[in-house]
Amino acid sequence: MRILLSVTIQNIKGVDYGPPISVLGVDAHELKPLLLRSLNKNQLLILRELAFNFDRSLTSVLIEISETKNVPLSTLKLNAKVLRNLGLIYVGELNGRRSARLSKLGRIVLEIIDG
C-alpha cells in the first residue's frame, strides 16, 4: 500500500525542514513497523476507540476502555496525554461540549497501522 502524504515538517516559526513525504516516496509498509514500535498497546486502544467516537469526552472514552479492557484509568489518562502531546488526538468543543477526536495526523497513523 502506498500512501502519498503532502505533509511538510515545520517548526512553530514555519521554517521548512525538508520536502513533503510524498516527494520522498515513503511506502506505508515501511512506516508501519516504526509506528508499531513507537506506540504501545494502550495508545493504540485509545486511537482505535476515538476513531469511532466523535461526540464523547476523552474521559468517558477512557472510562469505557478501562472497564471493557481491564486497563487502569490512570494508565489510559497518561497515554492519552502522550497522544495529545504527539498531536495524534485533540480535545475541542462540539455543540458546546468538550469532545475528543483523532487529529488528521492521528487518522493517517491509524490508517497506516490498521490499513
Protein backbone atom coordinates (compact mmCIF):
# COMPACT_ATOMS: atom_id res chain seq x y z
CA MET A 1 0.00 0.00 0.00
CA ARG A 2 1.43 3.36 -0.94
CA ILE A 3 0.07 6.41 0.81
CA LEU A 4 1.04 9.76 -0.61
CA LEU A 5 1.15 12.43 2.01
CA SER A 6 1.69 16.05 1.24
CA VAL A 7 2.92 16.96 4.70
CA THR A 8 5.80 19.34 5.19
CA ILE A 9 7.59 19.22 8.52
CA GLN A 10 7.75 22.70 10.01
CA ASN A 11 8.58 24.14 13.38
CA ILE A 12 6.49 26.72 15.23
CA LYS A 13 8.05 29.61 13.31
CA GLY A 14 7.22 27.97 9.98
CA VAL A 15 10.76 27.03 8.98
CA ASP A 16 10.68 24.27 6.38
CA TYR A 17 12.72 21.18 7.31
CA GLY A 18 12.54 19.38 4.01
CA PRO A 19 10.40 18.10 1.20
CA PRO A 20 6.93 16.67 1.79
CA ILE A 21 6.71 12.94 2.47
CA SER A 22 5.05 12.38 -0.91
CA VAL A 23 8.16 13.70 -2.66
CA LEU A 24 10.28 11.25 -0.68
CA GLY A 25 8.14 8.32 -1.89
CA VAL A 26 7.68 6.76 1.54
CA ASP A 27 5.73 3.50 1.44
CA ALA A 28 3.22 2.89 4.25
CA HIS A 29 4.59 -0.63 4.69
CA GLU A 30 7.92 0.93 5.60
CA LEU A 31 6.34 3.20 8.21
CA LYS A 32 4.12 0.59 9.89
CA PRO A 33 6.88 -1.19 11.89
CA LEU A 34 8.21 2.15 13.09
CA LEU A 35 4.77 3.29 14.21
CA LEU A 36 4.03 -0.01 15.94
CA ARG A 37 7.27 0.27 17.91
CA SER A 38 6.55 3.89 18.77
CA LEU A 39 3.04 3.38 20.15
CA ASN A 40 2.13 0.98 22.94
CA LYS A 41 -0.99 -1.21 23.08
CA ASN A 42 -2.86 1.25 25.31
CA GLN A 43 -2.18 4.14 22.95
CA LEU A 44 -3.44 2.03 20.05
CA LEU A 45 -6.59 1.18 22.03
CA ILE A 46 -7.26 4.88 22.56
CA LEU A 47 -6.64 5.78 18.91
CA ARG A 48 -8.91 2.99 17.68
CA GLU A 49 -11.69 3.90 20.10
CA LEU A 50 -11.55 7.59 19.18
CA ALA A 51 -11.82 6.68 15.50
CA PHE A 52 -15.42 5.64 16.17
CA ASN A 53 -16.46 8.04 18.96
CA PHE A 54 -16.93 11.55 17.63
CA ASP A 55 -19.06 13.28 20.24
CA ARG A 56 -17.81 11.91 23.56
CA SER A 57 -15.46 13.40 26.09
CA LEU A 58 -12.00 11.94 26.41
CA THR A 59 -12.74 10.89 29.99
CA SER A 60 -15.86 8.94 29.02
CA VAL A 61 -13.97 7.14 26.26
CA LEU A 62 -11.12 6.29 28.64
CA ILE A 63 -13.54 5.04 31.31
CA GLU A 64 -15.20 2.75 28.77
CA ILE A 65 -11.84 1.36 27.64
CA SER A 66 -10.81 0.87 31.26
CA GLU A 67 -13.98 -1.08 32.08
CA THR A 68 -14.06 -3.22 28.94
CA LYS A 69 -10.33 -3.95 28.62
CA ASN A 70 -9.36 -4.02 32.33
CA VAL A 71 -6.74 -1.29 31.96
CA PRO A 72 -6.27 1.12 34.89
CA LEU A 73 -7.82 4.50 34.16
CA SER A 74 -4.68 6.31 35.34
CA THR A 75 -2.63 4.39 32.75
CA LEU A 76 -5.04 5.39 29.99
CA LYS A 77 -5.00 9.04 31.08
CA LEU A 78 -1.21 9.09 30.94
CA ASN A 79 -1.23 7.51 27.47
CA ALA A 80 -3.90 9.95 26.26
CA LYS A 81 -1.68 12.82 27.41
CA VAL A 82 1.20 11.37 25.39
CA LEU A 83 -1.06 11.11 22.31
CA ARG A 84 -2.15 14.73 22.76
CA ASN A 85 1.46 15.87 23.05
CA LEU A 86 2.30 13.97 19.86
CA GLY A 87 -0.58 15.70 18.06
CA LEU A 88 -2.44 12.46 17.35
CA ILE A 89 -5.57 13.42 19.30
CA TYR A 90 -7.12 16.68 20.39
CA VAL A 91 -9.94 17.81 22.63
CA GLY A 92 -12.19 20.56 21.34
CA GLU A 93 -15.69 21.96 21.55
CA LEU A 94 -18.55 20.28 19.72
CA ASN A 95 -22.09 21.57 20.26
CA GLY A 96 -20.98 23.33 23.43
CA ARG A 97 -19.39 20.18 24.87
CA ARG A 98 -15.78 19.10 25.03
CA SER A 99 -15.14 16.10 22.80
CA ALA A 100 -12.05 14.12 21.90
CA ARG A 101 -11.11 13.32 18.31
CA LEU A 102 -8.29 11.99 16.24
CA SER A 103 -6.29 14.70 14.53
CA LYS A 104 -5.54 14.42 10.81
CA LEU A 105 -2.14 13.02 11.74
CA GLY A 106 -3.80 10.54 14.11
CA ARG A 107 -6.06 9.32 11.32
CA ILE A 108 -3.09 8.89 8.99
CA VAL A 109 -1.15 6.94 11.64
CA LEU A 110 -4.14 4.68 12.34
CA GLU A 111 -4.71 4.15 8.61
CA ILE A 112 -1.10 3.06 8.18
CA ILE A 113 -1.23 0.72 11.20
CA ASP A 114 -4.65 -0.81 10.58
CA GLY A 115 -4.95 -0.21 6.84
